[in-house]
Amino acid sequence: MKQPTKAIICAAGLGTRFLPQTKSIPKEMLPIIDKPVIQLIVEKVVAAGVTDIIIVTREGKTVIEDHFDHNRALENTLIKDGKNALADQIKAVADMANFIFIRQKGDLYGSAIPVLNAMNLLEKDEPFFVFFPDDYFRSDIAWPIQLKEAYNQTGKSVISLVKVDKKDADKYGMAVIESEVDEKTFKLGGLLEKPGEANAPSEYASVGSYLLMPEILPIIEQKIPGKNGEIFLADAINLLAHSDQVYGRSIDGVWHDTGDKLKYIETLVDEALHDSRFAESFEVYLRNILK
């Protein structure tokens, strides 16, 4: 089967939940210790074999483009100061993939619009990844690789799932599970948006990572409006599930949502406790302040 070589990262959001911080620093550039969250996603996407990364942005976000470009002055200064390892690390960021930046266009809004804007850059016979840089997993096996494993198993579109408490079903798009392929992979009947505990069709929520077949593109092109007139990717996935097949993969790993203030703090704590550079000292610090 055709393997995905392209990924779309949707980075046109305003990040209003993190104002005033995000007035000048895009939410995608919020640091997870010493790397912006969008870089963590790019690293794992590249590990899954992606070579072309399309980042859909808006005005005021050129810092993202700068981050994934070479900074010769900085590189040369680091080398001059004998910090060769750090210089190599900075160079590697720019060399990870072929980065393509486009601005989100038009008067339409919604999670499907970045895909619509990037459509001309996609192959018509090749699956492609879509990521929202609020969401990522800390996992032993990169979660894009897990999505690709499920795609190679089913030959169809696959979305990432995470198990949640049903009392939180009013916060997520919940998966309608038709059948079980294995303990981690499910055939889906669609997604039910924020149904609440009583109406939750399963314990699995859809989070912002997708490996989609090109068959979804004509559906997105129809620009079918959803709630508030926005064009949602979840709606297109629902229509695809009715006309074709869509699968969900329960990701092995710890899911982090960096678009929420409390969950962002939790992300930093979790990452620090699993980073060999800081884990031991940070754990001692936490135990001391929690006494």
C-alpha atoms as a PDB file:
ATOM      1  CA  MET A   1       0.000   0.000   0.000  1.00  0.00           C
ATOM      2  CA  LYS A   2       0.987   3.610  -0.480  1.00  0.00           C
ATOM      3  CA  GLN A   3       2.731   4.929   2.615  1.00  0.00           C
ATOM      4  CA  PRO A   4       2.162   8.489   3.906  1.00  0.00           C
ATOM      5  CA  THR A   5       4.951  10.938   3.150  1.00  0.00           C
ATOM      6  CA  LYS A   6       3.063  14.167   3.860  1.00  0.00           C
ATOM      7  CA  ALA A   7       1.623  15.652   7.029  1.00  0.00           C
ATOM      8  CA  ILE A   8      -0.484  18.747   7.654  1.00  0.00           C
ATOM      9  CA  ILE A   9      -0.038  20.581  10.952  1.00  0.00           C
ATOM     10  CA  CYS A  10      -2.897  22.977  11.655  1.00  0.00           C
ATOM     11  CA  ALA A  11      -1.303  26.029  13.279  1.00  0.00           C
ATOM     12  CA  ALA A  12      -3.666  28.880  12.426  1.00  0.00           C
ATOM     13  CA  GLY A  13      -5.442  29.123  15.781  1.00  0.00           C
ATOM     14  CA  LEU A  14      -5.307  32.291  17.876  1.00  0.00           C
ATOM     15  CA  GLY A  15      -4.531  30.562  21.173  1.00  0.00           C
ATOM     16  CA  THR A  16      -6.858  32.854  23.113  1.00  0.00           C
ATOM     17  CA  ARG A  17      -6.877  30.576  26.166  1.00  0.00           C
ATOM     18  CA  PHE A  18      -3.224  31.498  26.754  1.00  0.00           C
ATOM     19  CA  LEU A  19      -3.474  35.259  26.342  1.00  0.00           C
ATOM     20  CA  PRO A  20      -1.594  37.487  26.992  1.00  0.00           C
ATOM     21  CA  GLN A  21       1.285  35.027  26.423  1.00  0.00           C
ATOM     22  CA  THR A  22       0.062  34.136  22.939  1.00  0.00           C
ATOM     23  CA  LYS A  23      -0.238  37.772  21.837  1.00  0.00           C
ATOM     24  CA  SER A  24       3.338  37.565  20.555  1.00  0.00           C
ATOM     25  CA  ILE A  25       4.264  33.876  20.911  1.00  0.00           C
ATOM     26  CA  PRO A  26       2.097  31.356  19.018  1.00  0.00           C
ATOM     27  CA  LYS A  27       0.599  28.633  21.190  1.00  0.00           C
ATOM     28  CA  GLU A  28       2.374  26.073  18.995  1.00  0.00           C
ATOM     29  CA  MET A  29       5.659  27.499  20.285  1.00  0.00           C
ATOM     30  CA  LEU A  30       4.856  27.072  23.979  1.00  0.00           C
ATOM     31  CA  PRO A  31       7.866  25.230  25.438  1.00  0.00           C
ATOM     32  CA  ILE A  32       7.819  21.699  26.720  1.00  0.00           C
ATOM     33  CA  ILE A  33      10.966  22.248  28.800  1.00  0.00           C
ATOM     34  CA  ASP A  34      13.351  23.194  25.956  1.00  0.00           C
ATOM     35  CA  LYS A  35      11.397  22.323  22.812  1.00  0.00           C
ATOM     36  CA  PRO A  36       8.240  23.922  21.452  1.00  0.00           C
ATOM     37  CA  VAL A  37       5.310  21.532  21.354  1.00  0.00           C
ATOM     38  CA  ILE A  38       5.135  21.706  17.548  1.00  0.00           C
ATOM     39  CA  GLN A  39       8.712  20.385  17.341  1.00  0.00           C
ATOM     40  CA  LEU A  40       7.790  17.356  19.455  1.00  0.00           C
ATOM     41  CA  ILE A  41       5.077  16.560  16.938  1.00  0.00           C
ATOM     42  CA  VAL A  42       7.388  17.083  13.950  1.00  0.00           C
ATOM     43  CA  GLU A  43      10.014  14.746  15.435  1.00  0.00           C
ATOM     44  CA  LYS A  44       7.510  11.912  15.831  1.00  0.00           C
ATOM     45  CA  VAL A  45       5.993  12.500  12.390  1.00  0.00           C
ATOM     46  CA  VAL A  46       9.431  12.244  10.807  1.00  0.00           C
ATOM     47  CA  ALA A  47      10.002   9.001  12.749  1.00  0.00           C
ATOM     48  CA  ALA A  48       6.939   7.638  10.934  1.00  0.00           C
ATOM     49  CA  GLY A  49       8.549   8.250   7.539  1.00  0.00           C
ATOM     50  CA  VAL A  50       7.079  11.632   6.624  1.00  0.00           C
ATOM     51  CA  THR A  51       9.331  13.777   4.436  1.00  0.00           C
ATOM     52  CA  ASP A  52       7.090  16.783   3.650  1.00  0.00           C
ATOM     53  CA  ILE A  53       5.440  18.744   6.455  1.00  0.00           C
ATOM     54  CA  ILE A  54       2.843  21.361   5.531  1.00  0.00           C
ATOM     55  CA  ILE A  55       2.281  23.868   8.329  1.00  0.00           C
ATOM     56  CA  VAL A  56      -0.841  25.993   7.907  1.00  0.00           C
ATOM     57  CA  THR A  57      -0.455  29.291   9.775  1.00  0.00           C
ATOM     58  CA  ARG A  58      -1.836  32.813   9.853  1.00  0.00           C
ATOM     59  CA  GLU A  59      -0.456  36.343  10.212  1.00  0.00           C
ATOM     60  CA  GLY A  60       1.750  36.876  13.241  1.00  0.00           C
ATOM     61  CA  LYS A  61       3.192  33.350  13.243  1.00  0.00           C
ATOM     62  CA  THR A  62       6.391  33.733  11.233  1.00  0.00           C
ATOM     63  CA  VAL A  63       8.313  32.673  14.343  1.00  0.00           C
ATOM     64  CA  ILE A  64       7.223  29.090  13.559  1.00  0.00           C
ATOM     65  CA  GLU A  65       8.781  29.373  10.113  1.00  0.00           C
ATOM     66  CA  ASP A  66      11.950  30.832  11.626  1.00  0.00           C
ATOM     67  CA  HIS A  67      12.173  27.954  14.100  1.00  0.00           C
ATOM     68  CA  PHE A  68      12.252  25.349  11.332  1.00  0.00           C
ATOM     69  CA  ASP A  69      14.743  27.294   9.207  1.00  0.00           C
ATOM     70  CA  HIS A  70      18.511  27.620   9.557  1.00  0.00           C
ATOM     71  CA  ASN A  71      19.889  30.445  11.692  1.00  0.00           C
ATOM     72  CA  ARG A  72      23.412  30.713  10.320  1.00  0.00           C
ATOM     73  CA  ALA A  73      24.474  33.464  12.713  1.00  0.00           C
ATOM     74  CA  LEU A  74      23.426  31.426  15.732  1.00  0.00           C
ATOM     75  CA  GLU A  75      24.972  28.242  14.362  1.00  0.00           C
ATOM     76  CA  ASN A  76      28.282  29.965  13.617  1.00  0.00           C
ATOM     77  CA  THR A  77      28.365  31.632  17.032  1.00  0.00           C
ATOM     78  CA  LEU A  78      27.812  28.304  18.770  1.00  0.00           C
ATOM     79  CA  ILE A  79      30.613  26.695  16.743  1.00  0.00           C
ATOM     80  CA  LYS A  80      32.926  29.634  17.475  1.00  0.00           C
ATOM     81  CA  ASP A  81      32.211  29.204  21.195  1.00  0.00           C
ATOM     82  CA  GLY A  82      33.035  25.504  21.014  1.00  0.00           C
ATOM     83  CA  LYS A  83      29.392  24.429  21.442  1.00  0.00           C
ATOM     84  CA  ASN A  84      29.430  22.106  18.454  1.00  0.00           C
ATOM     85  CA  ALA A  85      26.912  19.629  19.836  1.00  0.00           C
ATOM     86  CA  LEU A  86      24.412  22.417  20.403  1.00  0.00           C
ATOM     87  CA  ALA A  87      25.076  23.812  16.931  1.00  0.00           C
ATOM     88  CA  ASP A  88      24.405  20.371  15.437  1.00  0.00           C
ATOM     89  CA  GLN A  89      21.174  20.162  17.415  1.00  0.00           C
ATOM     90  CA  ILE A  90      19.995  23.515  16.050  1.00  0.00           C
ATOM     91  CA  LYS A  91      20.906  22.529  12.484  1.00  0.00           C
ATOM     92  CA  ALA A  92      19.049  19.232  12.826  1.00  0.00           C
ATOM     93  CA  VAL A  93      15.777  21.032  13.543  1.00  0.00           C
ATOM     94  CA  ALA A  94      15.858  22.680  10.110  1.00  0.00           C
ATOM     95  CA  ASP A  95      16.976  19.509   8.345  1.00  0.00           C
ATOM     96  CA  MET A  96      14.344  17.130   9.751  1.00  0.00           C
ATOM     97  CA  ALA A  97      12.012  17.469   6.770  1.00  0.00           C
ATOM     98  CA  ASN A  98      10.971  19.585   3.814  1.00  0.00           C
ATOM     99  CA  PHE A  99       8.866  22.296   5.478  1.00  0.00           C
ATOM    100  CA  ILE A 100       6.131  24.034   3.509  1.00  0.00           C
ATOM    101  CA  PHE A 101       4.340  27.018   5.048  1.00  0.00           C
ATOM    102  CA  ILE A 102       1.007  28.330   3.812  1.00  0.00           C
ATOM    103  CA  ARG A 103      -1.403  30.897   5.210  1.00  0.00           C
ATOM    104  CA  GLN A 104      -4.967  29.907   5.996  1.00  0.00           C
ATOM    105  CA  LYS A 105      -7.156  31.680   3.437  1.00  0.00           C
ATOM    106  CA  GLY A 106     -10.776  32.642   2.999  1.00  0.00           C
ATOM    107  CA  ASP A 107     -13.690  33.563   5.220  1.00  0.00           C
ATOM    108  CA  LEU A 108     -14.513  30.011   6.306  1.00  0.00           C
ATOM    109  CA  TYR A 109     -13.449  28.655   9.676  1.00  0.00           C
ATOM    110  CA  GLY A 110     -13.215  25.246  11.263  1.00  0.00           C
ATOM    111  CA  SER A 111     -10.870  22.327  11.753  1.00  0.00           C
ATOM    112  CA  ALA A 112     -11.192  21.144   8.124  1.00  0.00           C
ATOM    113  CA  ILE A 113     -10.076  24.452   6.598  1.00  0.00           C
ATOM    114  CA  PRO A 114      -6.295  23.831   6.940  1.00  0.00           C
ATOM    115  CA  VAL A 115      -6.756  20.574   5.008  1.00  0.00           C
ATOM    116  CA  LEU A 116      -8.782  22.425   2.392  1.00  0.00           C
ATOM    117  CA  ASN A 117      -6.016  25.044   2.059  1.00  0.00           C
ATOM    118  CA  ALA A 118      -3.299  22.378   1.745  1.00  0.00           C
ATOM    119  CA  MET A 119      -5.218  20.134  -0.642  1.00  0.00           C
ATOM    120  CA  ASN A 120      -3.268  21.126  -3.758  1.00  0.00           C
ATOM    121  CA  LEU A 121      -0.051  19.939  -2.106  1.00  0.00           C
ATOM    122  CA  LEU A 122      -1.346  16.438  -1.423  1.00  0.00           C
ATOM    123  CA  GLU A 123      -1.058  13.378  -3.638  1.00  0.00           C
ATOM    124  CA  LYS A 124      -4.445  12.164  -4.875  1.00  0.00           C
ATOM    125  CA  ASP A 125      -3.587   8.503  -4.270  1.00  0.00           C
ATOM    126  CA  GLU A 126      -1.643   8.756  -0.992  1.00  0.00           C
ATOM    127  CA  PRO A 127      -2.805   8.854   2.633  1.00  0.00           C
ATOM    128  CA  PHE A 128      -1.720  11.840   4.691  1.00  0.00           C
ATOM    129  CA  PHE A 129      -1.412  12.798   8.342  1.00  0.00           C
ATOM    130  CA  VAL A 130      -3.237  15.681  10.016  1.00  0.00           C
ATOM    131  CA  PHE A 131      -2.182  16.995  13.427  1.00  0.00           C
ATOM    132  CA  PHE A 132      -3.399  19.703  15.757  1.00  0.00           C
ATOM    133  CA  PRO A 133      -0.450  20.944  17.823  1.00  0.00           C
ATOM    134  CA  ASP A 134      -2.453  21.081  21.054  1.00  0.00           C
ATOM    135  CA  ASP A 135      -2.291  17.289  21.272  1.00  0.00           C
ATOM    136  CA  TYR A 136       0.545  14.826  21.464  1.00  0.00           C
ATOM    137  CA  PHE A 137       1.497  11.595  23.215  1.00  0.00           C
ATOM    138  CA  ARG A 138       4.509  10.713  25.306  1.00  0.00           C
ATOM    139  CA  SER A 139       4.988   7.148  24.145  1.00  0.00           C
ATOM    140  CA  ASP A 140       7.667   4.502  23.649  1.00  0.00           C
ATOM    141  CA  ILE A 141       6.507   4.004  20.058  1.00  0.00           C
ATOM    142  CA  ALA A 142       5.781   7.310  18.321  1.00  0.00           C
ATOM    143  CA  TRP A 143       2.021   7.630  18.004  1.00  0.00           C
ATOM    144  CA  PRO A 144       2.140   8.459  14.247  1.00  0.00           C
ATOM    145  CA  ILE A 145       3.857   5.085  13.826  1.00  0.00           C
ATOM    146  CA  GLN A 146       0.994   3.477  15.752  1.00  0.00           C
ATOM    147  CA  LEU A 147      -1.517   5.150  13.425  1.00  0.00           C
ATOM    148  CA  LYS A 148       0.455   3.898  10.430  1.00  0.00           C
ATOM    149  CA  GLU A 149       0.483   0.371  11.833  1.00  0.00           C
ATOM    150  CA  ALA A 150      -3.318   0.467  12.036  1.00  0.00           C
ATOM    151  CA  TYR A 151      -3.517   1.857   8.477  1.00  0.00           C
ATOM    152  CA  ASN A 152      -1.302  -0.958   7.173  1.00  0.00           C
ATOM    153  CA  GLN A 153      -3.556  -3.410   9.004  1.00  0.00           C
ATOM    154  CA  THR A 154      -6.851  -2.026   7.667  1.00  0.00           C
ATOM    155  CA  GLY A 155      -5.989  -0.104   4.497  1.00  0.00           C
ATOM    156  CA  LYS A 156      -8.300   2.700   5.597  1.00  0.00           C
ATOM    157  CA  SER A 157      -8.351   6.038   7.423  1.00  0.00           C
ATOM    158  CA  VAL A 158      -7.347   5.859  11.088  1.00  0.00           C
ATOM    159  CA  ILE A 159      -7.906   8.377  13.889  1.00  0.00           C
ATOM    160  CA  SER A 160      -6.234   8.436  17.287  1.00  0.00           C
ATOM    161  CA  LEU A 161      -8.307   7.484  20.320  1.00  0.00           C
ATOM    162  CA  VAL A 162      -7.739   7.830  24.040  1.00  0.00           C
ATOM    163  CA  LYS A 163      -9.796   6.220  26.803  1.00  0.00           C
ATOM    164  CA  VAL A 164     -11.552   8.778  29.029  1.00  0.00           C
ATOM    165  CA  ASP A 165     -13.974   8.672  31.922  1.00  0.00           C
ATOM    166  CA  LYS A 166     -17.528   8.789  30.560  1.00  0.00           C
ATOM    167  CA  LYS A 167     -18.316  11.666  32.921  1.00  0.00           C
ATOM    168  CA  ASP A 168     -15.983  13.736  30.695  1.00  0.00           C
ATOM    169  CA  ALA A 169     -17.832  12.791  27.504  1.00  0.00           C
ATOM    170  CA  ASP A 170     -19.222  16.328  27.337  1.00  0.00           C
ATOM    171  CA  LYS A 171     -15.717  17.579  26.468  1.00  0.00           C
ATOM    172  CA  TYR A 172     -14.791  15.359  23.518  1.00  0.00           C
ATOM    173  CA  GLY A 173     -15.903  13.817  20.278  1.00  0.00           C
ATOM    174  CA  MET A 174     -16.685  10.256  21.360  1.00  0.00           C
ATOM    175  CA  ALA A 175     -16.114   7.270  19.092  1.00  0.00           C
ATOM    176  CA  VAL A 176     -19.031   5.139  17.930  1.00  0.00           C
ATOM    177  CA  ILE A 177     -17.477   1.658  17.823  1.00  0.00           C
ATOM    178  CA  GLU A 178     -19.002  -0.843  15.397  1.00  0.00           C
ATOM    179  CA  SER A 179     -16.571  -3.728  15.839  1.00  0.00           C
ATOM    180  CA  GLU A 180     -13.196  -4.657  17.277  1.00  0.00           C
ATOM    181  CA  VAL A 181     -10.273  -5.542  15.016  1.00  0.00           C
ATOM    182  CA  ASP A 182      -7.992  -6.155  18.002  1.00  0.00           C
ATOM    183  CA  GLU A 183      -7.690  -4.795  21.520  1.00  0.00           C
ATOM    184  CA  LYS A 184      -6.347  -1.466  20.221  1.00  0.00           C
ATOM    185  CA  THR A 185      -8.019  -1.083  16.816  1.00  0.00           C
ATOM    186  CA  PHE A 186     -11.713  -0.519  16.181  1.00  0.00           C
ATOM    187  CA  LYS A 187     -13.980  -0.052  13.187  1.00  0.00           C
ATOM    188  CA  LEU A 188     -15.933   3.154  13.741  1.00  0.00           C
ATOM    189  CA  GLY A 189     -19.443   4.183  12.868  1.00  0.00           C
ATOM    190  CA  GLY A 190     -18.471   7.804  13.358  1.00  0.00           C
ATOM    191  CA  LEU A 191     -17.987  10.364  16.101  1.00  0.00           C
ATOM    192  CA  LEU A 192     -20.571  11.811  18.468  1.00  0.00           C
ATOM    193  CA  GLU A 193     -19.634  15.353  19.461  1.00  0.00           C
ATOM    194  CA  LYS A 194     -19.715  16.037  23.229  1.00  0.00           C
ATOM    195  CA  PRO A 195     -22.647  13.708  23.949  1.00  0.00           C
ATOM    196  CA  GLY A 196     -22.404  13.767  27.742  1.00  0.00           C
ATOM    197  CA  GLU A 197     -22.091  10.805  30.081  1.00  0.00           C
ATOM    198  CA  ALA A 198     -25.593   9.412  29.532  1.00  0.00           C
ATOM    199  CA  ASN A 199     -25.277   9.345  25.741  1.00  0.00           C
ATOM    200  CA  ALA A 200     -21.600   8.427  25.381  1.00  0.00           C
ATOM    201  CA  PRO A 201     -21.364   5.592  22.820  1.00  0.00           C
ATOM    202  CA  SER A 202     -18.033   4.330  24.203  1.00  0.00           C
ATOM    203  CA  GLU A 203     -15.151   5.209  26.533  1.00  0.00           C
ATOM    204  CA  TYR A 204     -12.973   6.358  23.640  1.00  0.00           C
ATOM    205  CA  ALA A 205     -12.490   9.996  22.658  1.00  0.00           C
ATOM    206  CA  SER A 206     -11.013  11.275  19.420  1.00  0.00           C
ATOM    207  CA  VAL A 207      -7.952  13.475  19.861  1.00  0.00           C
ATOM    208  CA  GLY A 208      -6.099  15.613  17.348  1.00  0.00           C
ATOM    209  CA  SER A 209      -4.134  13.129  15.219  1.00  0.00           C
ATOM    210  CA  TYR A 210      -5.336  11.504  12.000  1.00  0.00           C
ATOM    211  CA  LEU A 211      -4.063   9.378   9.129  1.00  0.00           C
ATOM    212  CA  LEU A 212      -6.564   9.963   6.354  1.00  0.00           C
ATOM    213  CA  MET A 213      -7.178   8.404   2.978  1.00  0.00           C
ATOM    214  CA  PRO A 214      -7.547  10.789   0.015  1.00  0.00           C
ATOM    215  CA  GLU A 215     -11.197   9.718  -0.281  1.00  0.00           C
ATOM    216  CA  ILE A 216     -11.979  12.282   2.407  1.00  0.00           C
ATOM    217  CA  LEU A 217     -10.834  15.194   0.232  1.00  0.00           C
ATOM    218  CA  PRO A 218     -13.964  15.417  -1.990  1.00  0.00           C
ATOM    219  CA  ILE A 219     -16.061  15.421   1.195  1.00  0.00           C
ATOM    220  CA  ILE A 220     -14.069  18.326   2.650  1.00  0.00           C
ATOM    221  CA  GLU A 221     -14.314  20.166  -0.687  1.00  0.00           C
ATOM    222  CA  GLN A 222     -18.099  20.245  -0.301  1.00  0.00           C
ATOM    223  CA  LYS A 223     -17.600  22.673   2.627  1.00  0.00           C
ATOM    224  CA  ILE A 224     -20.641  21.349   4.458  1.00  0.00           C
ATOM    225  CA  PRO A 225     -21.276  23.729   7.369  1.00  0.00           C
ATOM    226  CA  GLY A 226     -21.607  22.388  10.880  1.00  0.00           C
ATOM    227  CA  LYS A 227     -22.241  24.146  14.166  1.00  0.00           C
ATOM    228  CA  ASN A 228     -21.938  27.954  13.904  1.00  0.00           C
ATOM    229  CA  GLY A 229     -21.337  27.549  10.167  1.00  0.00           C
ATOM    230  CA  GLU A 230     -17.829  26.139  10.661  1.00  0.00           C
ATOM    231  CA  ILE A 231     -16.394  23.329   8.535  1.00  0.00           C
ATOM    232  CA  PHE A 232     -15.327  20.535  10.869  1.00  0.00           C
ATOM    233  CA  LEU A 233     -12.950  17.683  10.120  1.00  0.00           C
ATOM    234  CA  ALA A 234     -14.998  15.437  12.441  1.00  0.00           C
ATOM    235  CA  ASP A 235     -18.075  15.957  10.240  1.00  0.00           C
ATOM    236  CA  ALA A 236     -16.112  14.910   7.158  1.00  0.00           C
ATOM    237  CA  ILE A 237     -14.829  11.842   9.012  1.00  0.00           C
ATOM    238  CA  ASN A 238     -18.418  10.945   9.938  1.00  0.00           C
ATOM    239  CA  LEU A 239     -19.513  11.153   6.307  1.00  0.00           C
ATOM    240  CA  LEU A 240     -16.507   9.057   5.258  1.00  0.00           C
ATOM    241  CA  ALA A 241     -17.417   6.428   7.878  1.00  0.00           C
ATOM    242  CA  HIS A 242     -20.896   6.158   6.346  1.00  0.00           C
ATOM    243  CA  SER A 243     -19.677   5.834   2.760  1.00  0.00           C
ATOM    244  CA  ASP A 244     -16.448   3.887   3.349  1.00  0.00           C
ATOM    245  CA  GLN A 245     -14.576   2.637   6.435  1.00  0.00           C
ATOM    246  CA  VAL A 246     -12.844   4.537   9.220  1.00  0.00           C
ATOM    247  CA  TYR A 247     -10.888   2.990  12.073  1.00  0.00           C
ATOM    248  CA  GLY A 248      -9.726   4.197  15.445  1.00  0.00           C
ATOM    249  CA  ARG A 249      -6.479   3.294  17.167  1.00  0.00           C
ATOM    250  CA  SER A 250      -6.243   3.484  20.953  1.00  0.00           C
ATOM    251  CA  ILE A 251      -2.767   4.950  21.358  1.00  0.00           C
ATOM    252  CA  ASP A 252      -0.282   3.346  23.737  1.00  0.00           C
ATOM    253  CA  GLY A 253       1.129   6.300  25.635  1.00  0.00           C
ATOM    254  CA  VAL A 254       0.285   9.282  27.808  1.00  0.00           C
ATOM    255  CA  TRP A 255      -1.889  11.843  26.057  1.00  0.00           C
ATOM    256  CA  HIS A 256      -1.186  15.530  26.657  1.00  0.00           C
ATOM    257  CA  ASP A 257      -3.406  18.491  25.778  1.00  0.00           C
ATOM    258  CA  THR A 258      -1.266  21.633  25.782  1.00  0.00           C
ATOM    259  CA  GLY A 259      -4.182  23.834  24.748  1.00  0.00           C
ATOM    260  CA  ASP A 260      -5.574  23.803  28.287  1.00  0.00           C
ATOM    261  CA  LYS A 261      -3.762  25.705  31.055  1.00  0.00           C
ATOM    262  CA  LEU A 262      -4.023  23.039  33.739  1.00  0.00           C
ATOM    263  CA  LYS A 263      -3.226  20.221  31.333  1.00  0.00           C
ATOM    264  CA  TYR A 264      -0.246  22.223  30.053  1.00  0.00           C
ATOM    265  CA  ILE A 265       1.113  22.409  33.609  1.00  0.00           C
ATOM    266  CA  GLU A 266       0.496  18.670  33.991  1.00  0.00           C
ATOM    267  CA  THR A 267       2.372  18.113  30.723  1.00  0.00           C
ATOM    268  CA  LEU A 268       5.433  19.969  31.992  1.00  0.00           C
ATOM    269  CA  VAL A 269       5.433  17.973  35.243  1.00  0.00           C
ATOM    270  CA  ASP A 270       5.021  14.658  33.423  1.00  0.00           C
ATOM    271  CA  GLU A 271       7.773  15.415  30.926  1.00  0.00           C
ATOM    272  CA  ALA A 272      10.169  16.591  33.646  1.00  0.00           C
ATOM    273  CA  LEU A 273       9.569  13.410  35.659  1.00  0.00           C
ATOM    274  CA  HIS A 274      10.388  11.306  32.579  1.00  0.00           C
ATOM    275  CA  ASP A 275      13.418  13.305  31.437  1.00  0.00           C
ATOM    276  CA  SER A 276      16.653  11.724  32.651  1.00  0.00           C
ATOM    277  CA  ARG A 277      18.244  15.179  32.925  1.00  0.00           C
ATOM    278  CA  PHE A 278      15.811  16.355  35.580  1.00  0.00           C
ATOM    279  CA  ALA A 279      13.725  13.449  36.855  1.00  0.00           C
ATOM    280  CA  GLU A 280      15.567  12.644  40.087  1.00  0.00           C
ATOM    281  CA  SER A 281      16.066  16.234  41.259  1.00  0.00           C
ATOM    282  CA  PHE A 282      12.604  17.320  40.184  1.00  0.00           C
ATOM    283  CA  GLU A 283      10.958  14.455  42.040  1.00  0.00           C
ATOM    284  CA  VAL A 284      12.805  15.448  45.218  1.00  0.00           C
ATOM    285  CA  TYR A 285      11.637  19.044  44.711  1.00  0.00           C
ATOM    286  CA  LEU A 286       8.012  17.993  44.261  1.00  0.00           C
ATOM    287  CA  ARG A 287       8.075  15.744  47.323  1.00  0.00           C
ATOM    288  CA  ASN A 288       9.504  18.572  49.424  1.00  0.00           C
ATOM    289  CA  ILE A 289       6.920  21.167  48.429  1.00  0.00           C
ATOM    290  CA  LEU A 290       4.052  18.680  48.803  1.00  0.00           C
ATOM    291  CA  LYS A 291       4.919  17.783  52.395  1.00  0.00           C
END
